[in-house]
PDB file of N, CA and C in Angstrom:
ATOM      1  N   MET A   1      96.622 -25.583 -46.960  1.00  0.00           N
ATOM      2  CA  MET A   1      98.036 -25.275 -47.077  1.00  0.00           C
ATOM      3  C   MET A   1      98.217 -24.372 -48.282  1.00  0.00           C
ATOM      4  N   GLY A   2      99.079 -23.371 -48.148  1.00  0.00           N
ATOM      5  CA  GLY A   2      99.354 -22.472 -49.243  1.00  0.00           C
ATOM      6  C   GLY A   2     100.839 -22.398 -49.509  1.00  0.00           C
ATOM      7  N   LEU A   3     101.206 -22.022 -50.727  1.00  0.00           N
ATOM      8  CA  LEU A   3     102.609 -21.850 -51.103  1.00  0.00           C
ATOM      9  C   LEU A   3     102.924 -20.365 -51.142  1.00  0.00           C
ATOM     10  N   PHE A   4     104.083 -19.978 -50.608  1.00  0.00           N
ATOM     11  CA  PHE A   4     104.463 -18.586 -50.513  1.00  0.00           C
ATOM     12  C   PHE A   4     105.927 -18.424 -50.898  1.00  0.00           C
ATOM     13  N   SER A   5     106.331 -17.199 -51.016  1.00  0.00           N
ATOM     14  CA  SER A   5     107.734 -16.886 -51.195  1.00  0.00           C
ATOM     15  C   SER A   5     107.957 -15.469 -50.687  1.00  0.00           C
ATOM     16  N   GLU A   6     107.879 -15.311 -49.375  1.00  0.00           N
ATOM     17  CA  GLU A   6     108.106 -14.009 -48.773  1.00  0.00           C
ATOM     18  C   GLU A   6     109.219 -14.119 -47.741  1.00  0.00           C
ATOM     19  N   SER A   7     109.952 -13.031 -47.574  1.00  0.00           N
ATOM     20  CA  SER A   7     111.028 -13.011 -46.588  1.00  0.00           C
ATOM     21  C   SER A   7     110.449 -13.120 -45.192  1.00  0.00           C
ATOM     22  N   ILE A   8     111.211 -13.758 -44.311  1.00  0.00           N
ATOM     23  CA  ILE A   8     110.782 -13.938 -42.929  1.00  0.00           C
ATOM     24  C   ILE A   8     112.022 -13.881 -42.053  1.00  0.00           C
ATOM     25  N   ALA A   9     111.884 -13.311 -40.853  1.00  0.00           N
ATOM     26  CA  ALA A   9     113.015 -13.191 -39.927  1.00  0.00           C
ATOM     27  C   ALA A   9     113.057 -14.419 -39.032  1.00  0.00           C
ATOM     28  N   VAL A  10     114.212 -15.097 -39.015  1.00  0.00           N
ATOM     29  CA  VAL A  10     114.378 -16.323 -38.236  1.00  0.00           C
ATOM     30  C   VAL A  10     115.615 -16.183 -37.352  1.00  0.00           C
ATOM     31  N   ASN A  11     115.455 -16.469 -36.069  1.00  0.00           N
ATOM     32  CA  ASN A  11     116.584 -16.549 -35.137  1.00  0.00           C
ATOM     33  C   ASN A  11     116.950 -18.012 -34.986  1.00  0.00           C
ATOM     34  N   CYS A  12     118.252 -18.297 -35.010  1.00  0.00           N
ATOM     35  CA  CYS A  12     118.723 -19.683 -34.967  1.00  0.00           C
ATOM     36  C   CYS A  12     119.640 -19.924 -33.778  1.00  0.00           C
ATOM     37  N   THR A  13     119.753 -21.206 -33.427  1.00  0.00           N
ATOM     38  CA  THR A  13     120.729 -21.629 -32.428  1.00  0.00           C
ATOM     39  C   THR A  13     122.117 -21.564 -33.057  1.00  0.00           C
ATOM     40  N   ASP A  14     123.131 -21.842 -32.275  1.00  0.00           N
ATOM     41  CA  ASP A  14     124.508 -21.862 -32.781  1.00  0.00           C
ATOM     42  C   ASP A  14     124.698 -22.920 -33.864  1.00  0.00           C
ATOM     43  N   THR A  15     123.879 -23.965 -33.832  1.00  0.00           N
ATOM     44  CA  THR A  15     123.992 -25.034 -34.827  1.00  0.00           C
ATOM     45  C   THR A  15     123.136 -24.773 -36.071  1.00  0.00           C
ATOM     46  N   GLY A  16     122.432 -23.623 -36.129  1.00  0.00           N
ATOM     47  CA  GLY A  16     121.660 -23.268 -37.305  1.00  0.00           C
ATOM     48  C   GLY A  16     120.211 -23.719 -37.283  1.00  0.00           C
ATOM     49  N   GLN A  17     119.751 -24.237 -36.160  1.00  0.00           N
ATOM     50  CA  GLN A  17     118.363 -24.700 -36.050  1.00  0.00           C
ATOM     51  C   GLN A  17     117.468 -23.525 -35.647  1.00  0.00           C
ATOM     52  N   PRO A  18     116.338 -23.328 -36.343  1.00  0.00           N
ATOM     53  CA  PRO A  18     115.437 -22.226 -35.982  1.00  0.00           C
ATOM     54  C   PRO A  18     114.947 -22.352 -34.538  1.00  0.00           C
ATOM     55  N   GLN A  19     114.934 -21.203 -33.818  1.00  0.00           N
ATOM     56  CA  GLN A  19     114.421 -21.188 -32.457  1.00  0.00           C
ATOM     57  C   GLN A  19     113.376 -20.104 -32.245  1.00  0.00           C
ATOM     58  N   GLY A  20     113.299 -19.151 -33.168  1.00  0.00           N
ATOM     59  CA  GLY A  20     112.304 -18.090 -33.082  1.00  0.00           C
ATOM     60  C   GLY A  20     112.065 -17.484 -34.448  1.00  0.00           C
ATOM     61  N   VAL A  21     110.837 -17.001 -34.673  1.00  0.00           N
ATOM     62  CA  VAL A  21     110.447 -16.429 -35.958  1.00  0.00           C
ATOM     63  C   VAL A  21     109.645 -15.167 -35.707  1.00  0.00           C
ATOM     64  N   GLN A  22     109.926 -14.130 -36.498  1.00  0.00           N
ATOM     65  CA  GLN A  22     109.076 -12.942 -36.475  1.00  0.00           C
ATOM     66  C   GLN A  22     108.378 -12.871 -37.818  1.00  0.00           C
ATOM     67  N   TRP A  23     107.046 -12.894 -37.765  1.00  0.00           N
ATOM     68  CA  TRP A  23     106.241 -12.928 -38.987  1.00  0.00           C
ATOM     69  C   TRP A  23     104.979 -12.121 -38.779  1.00  0.00           C
ATOM     70  N   LYS A  24     104.693 -11.233 -39.719  1.00  0.00           N
ATOM     71  CA  LYS A  24     103.502 -10.382 -39.693  1.00  0.00           C
ATOM     72  C   LYS A  24     103.364  -9.655 -38.358  1.00  0.00           C
ATOM     73  N   GLY A  25     104.479  -9.145 -37.861  1.00  0.00           N
ATOM     74  CA  GLY A  25     104.466  -8.358 -36.641  1.00  0.00           C
ATOM     75  C   GLY A  25     104.351  -9.142 -35.348  1.00  0.00           C
ATOM     76  N   THR A  26     104.368 -10.465 -35.416  1.00  0.00           N
ATOM     77  CA  THR A  26     104.251 -11.300 -34.221  1.00  0.00           C
ATOM     78  C   THR A  26     105.533 -12.096 -34.025  1.00  0.00           C
ATOM     79  N   LEU A  27     105.992 -12.150 -32.786  1.00  0.00           N
ATOM     80  CA  LEU A  27     107.166 -12.935 -32.437  1.00  0.00           C
ATOM     81  C   LEU A  27     106.705 -14.311 -31.981  1.00  0.00           C
ATOM     82  N   TYR A  28     107.243 -15.360 -32.618  1.00  0.00           N
ATOM     83  CA  TYR A  28     106.882 -16.740 -32.312  1.00  0.00           C
ATOM     84  C   TYR A  28     108.098 -17.479 -31.789  1.00  0.00           C
ATOM     85  N   ALA A  29     107.856 -18.425 -30.892  1.00  0.00           N
ATOM     86  CA  ALA A  29     108.893 -19.341 -30.422  1.00  0.00           C
ATOM     87  C   ALA A  29     108.641 -20.703 -31.050  1.00  0.00           C
ATOM     88  N   VAL A  30     109.708 -21.425 -31.353  1.00  0.00           N
ATOM     89  CA  VAL A  30     109.573 -22.778 -31.894  1.00  0.00           C
ATOM     90  C   VAL A  30     109.113 -23.676 -30.750  1.00  0.00           C
ATOM     91  N   ALA A  31     107.947 -24.319 -30.940  1.00  0.00           N
ATOM     92  CA  ALA A  31     107.309 -25.092 -29.867  1.00  0.00           C
ATOM     93  C   ALA A  31     107.835 -26.528 -29.765  1.00  0.00           C
ATOM     94  N   ASN A  32     108.194 -27.137 -30.879  1.00  0.00           N
ATOM     95  CA  ASN A  32     108.691 -28.514 -30.911  1.00  0.00           C
ATOM     96  C   ASN A  32     109.982 -28.558 -31.709  1.00  0.00           C
ATOM     97  N   LYS A  33     110.655 -29.692 -31.667  1.00  0.00           N
ATOM     98  CA  LYS A  33     111.893 -29.836 -32.434  1.00  0.00           C
ATOM     99  C   LYS A  33     111.583 -29.702 -33.932  1.00  0.00           C
ATOM    100  N   PRO A  34     112.237 -28.770 -34.613  1.00  0.00           N
ATOM    101  CA  PRO A  34     111.995 -28.607 -36.051  1.00  0.00           C
ATOM    102  C   PRO A  34     112.524 -29.795 -36.851  1.00  0.00           C
ATOM    103  N   GLU A  35     111.895 -30.038 -37.983  1.00  0.00           N
ATOM    104  CA  GLU A  35     112.330 -31.096 -38.900  1.00  0.00           C
ATOM    105  C   GLU A  35     113.003 -30.444 -40.095  1.00  0.00           C
ATOM    106  N   ARG A  36     114.103 -31.050 -40.570  1.00  0.00           N
ATOM    107  CA  ARG A  36     114.835 -30.497 -41.709  1.00  0.00           C
ATOM    108  C   ARG A  36     114.966 -31.538 -42.802  1.00  0.00           C
ATOM    109  N   TRP A  37     114.837 -31.080 -44.057  1.00  0.00           N
ATOM    110  CA  TRP A  37     115.098 -31.924 -45.214  1.00  0.00           C
ATOM    111  C   TRP A  37     115.503 -31.023 -46.380  1.00  0.00           C
ATOM    112  N   TYR A  38     115.844 -31.641 -47.495  1.00  0.00           N
ATOM    113  CA  TYR A  38     116.276 -30.906 -48.681  1.00  0.00           C
ATOM    114  C   TYR A  38     115.376 -31.287 -49.850  1.00  0.00           C
ATOM    115  N   GLU A  39     115.062 -30.294 -50.689  1.00  0.00           N
ATOM    116  CA  GLU A  39     114.290 -30.521 -51.906  1.00  0.00           C
ATOM    117  C   GLU A  39     115.048 -29.936 -53.084  1.00  0.00           C
ATOM    118  N   ARG A  40     114.892 -30.582 -54.226  1.00  0.00           N
ATOM    119  CA  ARG A  40     115.492 -30.053 -55.455  1.00  0.00           C
ATOM    120  C   ARG A  40     114.740 -28.809 -55.889  1.00  0.00           C
ATOM    121  N   ARG A  41     115.449 -27.865 -56.438  1.00  0.00           N
ATOM    122  CA  ARG A  41     114.813 -26.660 -56.952  1.00  0.00           C
ATOM    123  C   ARG A  41     115.172 -26.471 -58.414  1.00  0.00           C
ATOM    124  N   GLN A  42     114.358 -25.725 -59.121  1.00  0.00           N
ATOM    125  CA  GLN A  42     114.621 -25.426 -60.527  1.00  0.00           C
ATOM    126  C   GLN A  42     115.494 -24.171 -60.583  1.00  0.00           C
ATOM    127  N   TRP A  43     116.772 -24.340 -60.349  1.00  0.00           N
ATOM    128  CA  TRP A  43     117.678 -23.210 -60.228  1.00  0.00           C
ATOM    129  C   TRP A  43     117.729 -22.363 -61.490  1.00  0.00           C
ATOM    130  N   TRP A  44     117.528 -22.979 -62.632  1.00  0.00           N
ATOM    131  CA  TRP A  44     117.625 -22.248 -63.892  1.00  0.00           C
ATOM    132  C   TRP A  44     116.496 -21.228 -64.047  1.00  0.00           C
ATOM    133  N   VAL A  45     115.409 -21.381 -63.267  1.00  0.00           N
ATOM    134  CA  VAL A  45     114.320 -20.406 -63.296  1.00  0.00           C
ATOM    135  C   VAL A  45     114.716 -19.175 -62.486  1.00  0.00           C
ATOM    136  N   GLU A  46     115.486 -19.374 -61.413  1.00  0.00           N
ATOM    137  CA  GLU A  46     115.855 -18.294 -60.511  1.00  0.00           C
ATOM    138  C   GLU A  46     117.217 -17.672 -60.813  1.00  0.00           C
ATOM    139  N   GLU A  47     118.098 -18.394 -61.455  1.00  0.00           N
ATOM    140  CA  GLU A  47     119.467 -17.938 -61.704  1.00  0.00           C
ATOM    141  C   GLU A  47     119.729 -17.866 -63.207  1.00  0.00           C
ATOM    142  N   ASN A  48     120.530 -16.876 -63.616  1.00  0.00           N
ATOM    143  CA  ASN A  48     120.910 -16.781 -65.027  1.00  0.00           C
ATOM    144  C   ASN A  48     122.010 -17.781 -65.375  1.00  0.00           C
ATOM    145  N   ARG A  49     122.915 -17.987 -64.434  1.00  0.00           N
ATOM    146  CA  ARG A  49     124.045 -18.882 -64.661  1.00  0.00           C
ATOM    147  C   ARG A  49     124.312 -19.680 -63.408  1.00  0.00           C
ATOM    148  N   ALA A  50     124.965 -20.787 -63.577  1.00  0.00           N
ATOM    149  CA  ALA A  50     125.403 -21.595 -62.439  1.00  0.00           C
ATOM    150  C   ALA A  50     126.874 -21.285 -62.192  1.00  0.00           C
ATOM    151  N   PRO A  51     127.176 -20.542 -61.127  1.00  0.00           N
ATOM    152  CA  PRO A  51     128.583 -20.220 -60.852  1.00  0.00           C
ATOM    153  C   PRO A  51     129.402 -21.483 -60.610  1.00  0.00           C
ATOM    154  N   LEU A  52     130.622 -21.480 -61.092  1.00  0.00           N
ATOM    155  CA  LEU A  52     131.527 -22.602 -60.923  1.00  0.00           C
ATOM    156  C   LEU A  52     131.710 -22.901 -59.433  1.00  0.00           C
ATOM    157  N   GLY A  53     131.539 -24.152 -59.058  1.00  0.00           N
ATOM    158  CA  GLY A  53     131.724 -24.558 -57.673  1.00  0.00           C
ATOM    159  C   GLY A  53     130.551 -24.247 -56.762  1.00  0.00           C
ATOM    160  N   SER A  54     129.386 -23.928 -57.326  1.00  0.00           N
ATOM    161  CA  SER A  54     128.235 -23.556 -56.484  1.00  0.00           C
ATOM    162  C   SER A  54     127.669 -24.747 -55.726  1.00  0.00           C
ATOM    163  N   GLY A  55     127.798 -25.949 -56.246  1.00  0.00           N
ATOM    164  CA  GLY A  55     127.452 -27.170 -55.517  1.00  0.00           C
ATOM    165  C   GLY A  55     126.010 -27.325 -55.115  1.00  0.00           C
ATOM    166  N   ALA A  56     125.837 -28.003 -53.967  1.00  0.00           N
ATOM    167  CA  ALA A  56     124.502 -28.396 -53.511  1.00  0.00           C
ATOM    168  C   ALA A  56     123.602 -27.205 -53.228  1.00  0.00           C
ATOM    169  N   GLY A  57     124.140 -26.073 -52.814  1.00  0.00           N
ATOM    170  CA  GLY A  57     123.317 -24.905 -52.532  1.00  0.00           C
ATOM    171  C   GLY A  57     122.541 -24.415 -53.733  1.00  0.00           C
ATOM    172  N   LEU A  58     123.068 -24.687 -54.925  1.00  0.00           N
ATOM    173  CA  LEU A  58     122.374 -24.277 -56.139  1.00  0.00           C
ATOM    174  C   LEU A  58     121.243 -25.241 -56.462  1.00  0.00           C
ATOM    175  N   VAL A  59     121.420 -26.481 -56.173  1.00  0.00           N
ATOM    176  CA  VAL A  59     120.460 -27.510 -56.568  1.00  0.00           C
ATOM    177  C   VAL A  59     119.395 -27.745 -55.505  1.00  0.00           C
ATOM    178  N   ASP A  60     119.778 -27.723 -54.240  1.00  0.00           N
ATOM    179  CA  ASP A  60     118.873 -28.116 -53.170  1.00  0.00           C
ATOM    180  C   ASP A  60     118.438 -26.939 -52.310  1.00  0.00           C
ATOM    181  N   HIS A  61     117.192 -27.006 -51.850  1.00  0.00           N
ATOM    182  CA  HIS A  61     116.675 -26.088 -50.832  1.00  0.00           C
ATOM    183  C   HIS A  61     116.814 -26.779 -49.482  1.00  0.00           C
ATOM    184  N   GLU A  62     117.272 -26.045 -48.491  1.00  0.00           N
ATOM    185  CA  GLU A  62     117.221 -26.529 -47.115  1.00  0.00           C
ATOM    186  C   GLU A  62     115.887 -26.067 -46.547  1.00  0.00           C
ATOM    187  N   ILE A  63     115.040 -27.007 -46.166  1.00  0.00           N
ATOM    188  CA  ILE A  63     113.700 -26.678 -45.693  1.00  0.00           C
ATOM    189  C   ILE A  63     113.553 -27.133 -44.246  1.00  0.00           C
ATOM    190  N   TRP A  64     112.953 -26.275 -43.443  1.00  0.00           N
ATOM    191  CA  TRP A  64     112.683 -26.571 -42.040  1.00  0.00           C
ATOM    192  C   TRP A  64     111.180 -26.463 -41.811  1.00  0.00           C
ATOM    193  N   ARG A  65     110.594 -27.483 -41.212  1.00  0.00           N
ATOM    194  CA  ARG A  65     109.195 -27.413 -40.778  1.00  0.00           C
ATOM    195  C   ARG A  65     109.226 -27.104 -39.289  1.00  0.00           C
ATOM    196  N   VAL A  66     108.593 -25.981 -38.936  1.00  0.00           N
ATOM    197  CA  VAL A  66     108.588 -25.529 -37.555  1.00  0.00           C
ATOM    198  C   VAL A  66     107.156 -25.352 -37.065  1.00  0.00           C
ATOM    199  N   GLN A  67     106.918 -25.771 -35.843  1.00  0.00           N
ATOM    200  CA  GLN A  67     105.640 -25.488 -35.195  1.00  0.00           C
ATOM    201  C   GLN A  67     105.902 -24.322 -34.256  1.00  0.00           C
ATOM    202  N   LEU A  68     105.111 -23.274 -34.408  1.00  0.00           N
ATOM    203  CA  LEU A  68     105.358 -22.031 -33.703  1.00  0.00           C
ATOM    204  C   LEU A  68     104.227 -21.703 -32.746  1.00  0.00           C
ATOM    205  N   GLN A  69     104.611 -21.095 -31.641  1.00  0.00           N
ATOM    206  CA  GLN A  69     103.673 -20.638 -30.628  1.00  0.00           C
ATOM    207  C   GLN A  69     103.939 -19.150 -30.418  1.00  0.00           C
ATOM    208  N   PRO A  70     102.913 -18.303 -30.479  1.00  0.00           N
ATOM    209  CA  PRO A  70     103.151 -16.867 -30.221  1.00  0.00           C
ATOM    210  C   PRO A  70     103.706 -16.679 -28.810  1.00  0.00           C
ATOM    211  N   SER A  71     104.621 -15.726 -28.660  1.00  0.00           N
ATOM    212  CA  SER A  71     105.149 -15.455 -27.322  1.00  0.00           C
ATOM    213  C   SER A  71     104.031 -14.875 -26.460  1.00  0.00           C
ATOM    214  N   ALA A  72     104.128 -15.063 -25.161  1.00  0.00           N
ATOM    215  CA  ALA A  72     103.072 -14.628 -24.239  1.00  0.00           C
ATOM    216  C   ALA A  72     102.817 -13.126 -24.336  1.00  0.00           C
ATOM    217  N   ALA A  73     103.849 -12.354 -24.579  1.00  0.00           N
ATOM    218  CA  ALA A  73     103.694 -10.905 -24.657  1.00  0.00           C
ATOM    219  C   ALA A  73     103.004 -10.464 -25.945  1.00  0.00           C
ATOM    220  N   GLU A  74     102.971 -11.326 -26.955  1.00  0.00           N
ATOM    221  CA  GLU A  74     102.466 -10.944 -28.266  1.00  0.00           C
ATOM    222  C   GLU A  74     100.962 -11.134 -28.441  1.00  0.00           C
ATOM    223  N   THR A  75     100.381 -12.110 -27.768  1.00  0.00           N
ATOM    224  CA  THR A  75      98.997 -12.442 -28.075  1.00  0.00           C
ATOM    225  C   THR A  75      98.276 -13.036 -26.879  1.00  0.00           C
ATOM    226  N   GLU A  76      96.971 -12.987 -26.912  1.00  0.00           N
ATOM    227  CA  GLU A  76      96.173 -13.566 -25.837  1.00  0.00           C
ATOM    228  C   GLU A  76      95.770 -15.006 -26.133  1.00  0.00           C
ATOM    229  N   THR A  77      96.063 -15.518 -27.307  1.00  0.00           N
ATOM    230  CA  THR A  77      95.703 -16.890 -27.663  1.00  0.00           C
ATOM    231  C   THR A  77      96.950 -17.765 -27.709  1.00  0.00           C
ATOM    232  N   SER A  78      96.767 -19.053 -27.552  1.00  0.00           N
ATOM    233  CA  SER A  78      97.908 -19.967 -27.599  1.00  0.00           C
ATOM    234  C   SER A  78      97.854 -20.839 -28.850  1.00  0.00           C
ATOM    235  N   HIS A  79      97.169 -20.382 -29.887  1.00  0.00           N
ATOM    236  CA  HIS A  79      97.022 -21.134 -31.131  1.00  0.00           C
ATOM    237  C   HIS A  79      98.368 -21.253 -31.836  1.00  0.00           C
ATOM    238  N   SER A  80      98.795 -22.474 -32.103  1.00  0.00           N
ATOM    239  CA  SER A  80     100.079 -22.689 -32.778  1.00  0.00           C
ATOM    240  C   SER A  80      99.865 -22.769 -34.286  1.00  0.00           C
ATOM    241  N   ILE A  81     100.929 -22.484 -35.024  1.00  0.00           N
ATOM    242  CA  ILE A  81     100.914 -22.606 -36.484  1.00  0.00           C
ATOM    243  C   ILE A  81     102.128 -23.416 -36.901  1.00  0.00           C
ATOM    244  N   THR A  82     102.019 -24.056 -38.057  1.00  0.00           N
ATOM    245  CA  THR A  82     103.129 -24.830 -38.605  1.00  0.00           C
ATOM    246  C   THR A  82     103.507 -24.233 -39.951  1.00  0.00           C
ATOM    247  N   LEU A  83     104.791 -23.916 -40.106  1.00  0.00           N
ATOM    248  CA  LEU A  83     105.306 -23.307 -41.332  1.00  0.00           C
ATOM    249  C   LEU A  83     106.464 -24.129 -41.872  1.00  0.00           C
ATOM    250  N   ASP A  84     106.619 -24.101 -43.195  1.00  0.00           N
ATOM    251  CA  ASP A  84     107.832 -24.596 -43.838  1.00  0.00           C
ATOM    252  C   ASP A  84     108.647 -23.387 -44.247  1.00  0.00           C
ATOM    253  N   LEU A  85     109.899 -23.359 -43.824  1.00  0.00           N
ATOM    254  CA  LEU A  85     110.800 -22.250 -44.098  1.00  0.00           C
ATOM    255  C   LEU A  85     111.964 -22.736 -44.939  1.00  0.00           C
ATOM    256  N   VAL A  86     112.446 -21.883 -45.838  1.00  0.00           N
ATOM    257  CA  VAL A  86     113.582 -22.205 -46.705  1.00  0.00           C
ATOM    258  C   VAL A  86     114.712 -21.239 -46.388  1.00  0.00           C
ATOM    259  N   ARG A  87     115.918 -21.797 -46.187  1.00  0.00           N
ATOM    260  CA  ARG A  87     117.101 -20.959 -45.995  1.00  0.00           C
ATOM    261  C   ARG A  87     117.940 -21.012 -47.263  1.00  0.00           C
ATOM    262  N   HIS A  88     118.229 -19.850 -47.819  1.00  0.00           N
ATOM    263  CA  HIS A  88     119.123 -19.775 -48.974  1.00  0.00           C
ATOM    264  C   HIS A  88     120.541 -19.987 -48.465  1.00  0.00           C
ATOM    265  N   LEU A  89     121.180 -21.043 -48.922  1.00  0.00           N
ATOM    266  CA  LEU A  89     122.479 -21.427 -48.385  1.00  0.00           C
ATOM    267  C   LEU A  89     123.565 -20.399 -48.669  1.00  0.00           C
ATOM    268  N   GLY A  90     123.459 -19.683 -49.783  1.00  0.00           N
ATOM    269  CA  GLY A  90     124.484 -18.700 -50.117  1.00  0.00           C
ATOM    270  C   GLY A  90     124.408 -17.438 -49.281  1.00  0.00           C
ATOM    271  N   SER A  91     123.207 -16.901 -49.114  1.00  0.00           N
ATOM    272  CA  SER A  91     123.040 -15.633 -48.415  1.00  0.00           C
ATOM    273  C   SER A  91     122.630 -15.781 -46.958  1.00  0.00           C
ATOM    274  N   GLY A  92     122.090 -16.950 -46.594  1.00  0.00           N
ATOM    275  CA  GLY A  92     121.594 -17.135 -45.241  1.00  0.00           C
ATOM    276  C   GLY A  92     120.212 -16.544 -45.015  1.00  0.00           C
ATOM    277  N   ARG A  93     119.607 -15.986 -46.051  1.00  0.00           N
ATOM    278  CA  ARG A  93     118.276 -15.391 -45.927  1.00  0.00           C
ATOM    279  C   ARG A  93     117.204 -16.469 -45.876  1.00  0.00           C
ATOM    280  N   TRP A  94     116.110 -16.166 -45.189  1.00  0.00           N
ATOM    281  CA  TRP A  94     115.005 -17.101 -45.007  1.00  0.00           C
ATOM    282  C   TRP A  94     113.772 -16.632 -45.771  1.00  0.00           C
ATOM    283  N   ARG A  95     113.000 -17.607 -46.275  1.00  0.00           N
ATOM    284  CA  ARG A  95     111.720 -17.334 -46.940  1.00  0.00           C
ATOM    285  C   ARG A  95     110.664 -18.269 -46.360  1.00  0.00           C
ATOM    286  N   LEU A  96     109.458 -17.767 -46.302  1.00  0.00           N
ATOM    287  CA  LEU A  96     108.315 -18.598 -45.948  1.00  0.00           C
ATOM    288  C   LEU A  96     107.893 -19.341 -47.204  1.00  0.00           C
ATOM    289  N   LEU A  97     107.803 -20.656 -47.120  1.00  0.00           N
ATOM    290  CA  LEU A  97     107.451 -21.471 -48.268  1.00  0.00           C
ATOM    291  C   LEU A  97     106.013 -21.980 -48.195  1.00  0.00           C
ATOM    292  N   ARG A  98     105.627 -22.546 -47.046  1.00  0.00           N
ATOM    293  CA  ARG A  98     104.286 -23.124 -46.902  1.00  0.00           C
ATOM    294  C   ARG A  98     103.718 -22.813 -45.520  1.00  0.00           C
ATOM    295  N   ILE A  99     102.400 -22.655 -45.501  1.00  0.00           N
ATOM    296  CA  ILE A  99     101.672 -22.546 -44.240  1.00  0.00           C
ATOM    297  C   ILE A  99     100.772 -23.764 -44.154  1.00  0.00           C
ATOM    298  N   HIS A 100     100.880 -24.487 -43.065  1.00  0.00           N
ATOM    299  CA  HIS A 100     100.019 -25.637 -42.832  1.00  0.00           C
ATOM    300  C   HIS A 100      98.943 -25.204 -41.848  1.00  0.00           C
ATOM    301  N   ASP A 101      97.698 -25.367 -42.232  1.00  0.00           N
ATOM    302  CA  ASP A 101      96.604 -24.957 -41.355  1.00  0.00           C
ATOM    303  C   ASP A 101      96.574 -25.828 -40.111  1.00  0.00           C
ATOM    304  N   ALA A 102      96.517 -25.195 -38.990  1.00  0.00           N
ATOM    305  CA  ALA A 102      96.389 -25.906 -37.719  1.00  0.00           C
ATOM    306  C   ALA A 102      95.139 -25.372 -37.049  1.00  0.00           C
ATOM    307  N   ALA A 103      94.053 -26.117 -37.136  1.00  0.00           N
ATOM    308  CA  ALA A 103      92.788 -25.668 -36.566  1.00  0.00           C
ATOM    309  C   ALA A 103      92.893 -25.605 -35.050  1.00  0.00           C
ATOM    310  N   PRO A 104      92.375 -24.528 -34.457  1.00  0.00           N
ATOM    311  CA  PRO A 104      92.408 -24.468 -32.994  1.00  0.00           C
ATOM    312  C   PRO A 104      91.555 -25.578 -32.397  1.00  0.00           C
ATOM    313  N   SER A 105      92.031 -26.128 -31.292  1.00  0.00           N
ATOM    314  CA  SER A 105      91.263 -27.201 -30.653  1.00  0.00           C
ATOM    315  C   SER A 105      90.030 -26.603 -30.004  1.00  0.00           C
ATOM    316  N   ARG A 106      88.985 -27.399 -29.921  1.00  0.00           N
ATOM    317  CA  ARG A 106      87.757 -26.933 -29.272  1.00  0.00           C
ATOM    318  C   ARG A 106      87.248 -28.052 -28.398  1.00  0.00           C
ATOM    319  N   ALA A 107      86.541 -27.641 -27.357  1.00  0.00           N
ATOM    320  CA  ALA A 107      85.979 -28.626 -26.435  1.00  0.00           C
ATOM    321  C   ALA A 107      84.796 -29.336 -27.117  1.00  0.00           C
ATOM    322  N   VAL A 108      84.665 -30.625 -26.896  1.00  0.00           N
ATOM    323  CA  VAL A 108      83.556 -31.395 -27.456  1.00  0.00           C
ATOM    324  C   VAL A 108      82.380 -31.309 -26.491  1.00  0.00           C
ATOM    325  N   GLU A 109      81.248 -30.857 -27.003  1.00  0.00           N
ATOM    326  CA  GLU A 109      80.034 -30.766 -26.200  1.00  0.00           C
ATOM    327  C   GLU A 109      79.536 -32.176 -25.896  1.00  0.00           C
ATOM    328  N   PRO A 110      78.911 -32.397 -24.732  1.00  0.00           N
ATOM    329  CA  PRO A 110      78.446 -33.749 -24.367  1.00  0.00           C
ATOM    330  C   PRO A 110      77.515 -34.370 -25.414  1.00  0.00           C
ATOM    331  N   GLU A 111      76.608 -33.581 -26.002  1.00  0.00           N
ATOM    332  CA  GLU A 111      75.703 -34.161 -26.993  1.00  0.00           C
ATOM    333  C   GLU A 111      76.433 -34.544 -28.271  1.00  0.00           C
ATOM    334  N   GLU A 112      77.592 -33.900 -28.579  1.00  0.00           N
ATOM    335  CA  GLU A 112      78.370 -34.257 -29.764  1.00  0.00           C
ATOM    336  C   GLU A 112      79.104 -35.580 -29.558  1.00  0.00           C
ATOM    337  N   ALA A 113      79.487 -35.854 -28.328  1.00  0.00           N
ATOM    338  CA  ALA A 113      80.266 -37.052 -28.037  1.00  0.00           C
ATOM    339  C   ALA A 113      79.425 -38.329 -28.111  1.00  0.00           C
ATOM    340  N   ALA A 114      78.111 -38.211 -27.990  1.00  0.00           N
ATOM    341  CA  ALA A 114      77.232 -39.395 -27.992  1.00  0.00           C
ATOM    342  C   ALA A 114      77.040 -39.981 -29.362  1.00  0.00           C
TER     343      ALA A 114
END
């Protein structure tokens, strides 16, 4: 797993849930229901001042863990990846936060199974 902070394009449902991601030139579809939670951030490292009335958006990150599958038109493999994405509540912009390694499945040879 690695930590990142790069912009990423995310398409959302009407309720704000990620449904598609474009990353490194590949279009991905969300394969399973995404999970959402909030984490505290060190806002004073990123911001010079705390604007009056900024509230929870200043203190908390909205994080979504999504499992992604490349669209059929994009790739010949069906290897899925899992990413943690952060949405900036003020601007609506998305950043890639973490990549979770998802090893491709492989068939077990008969001699390995014994």
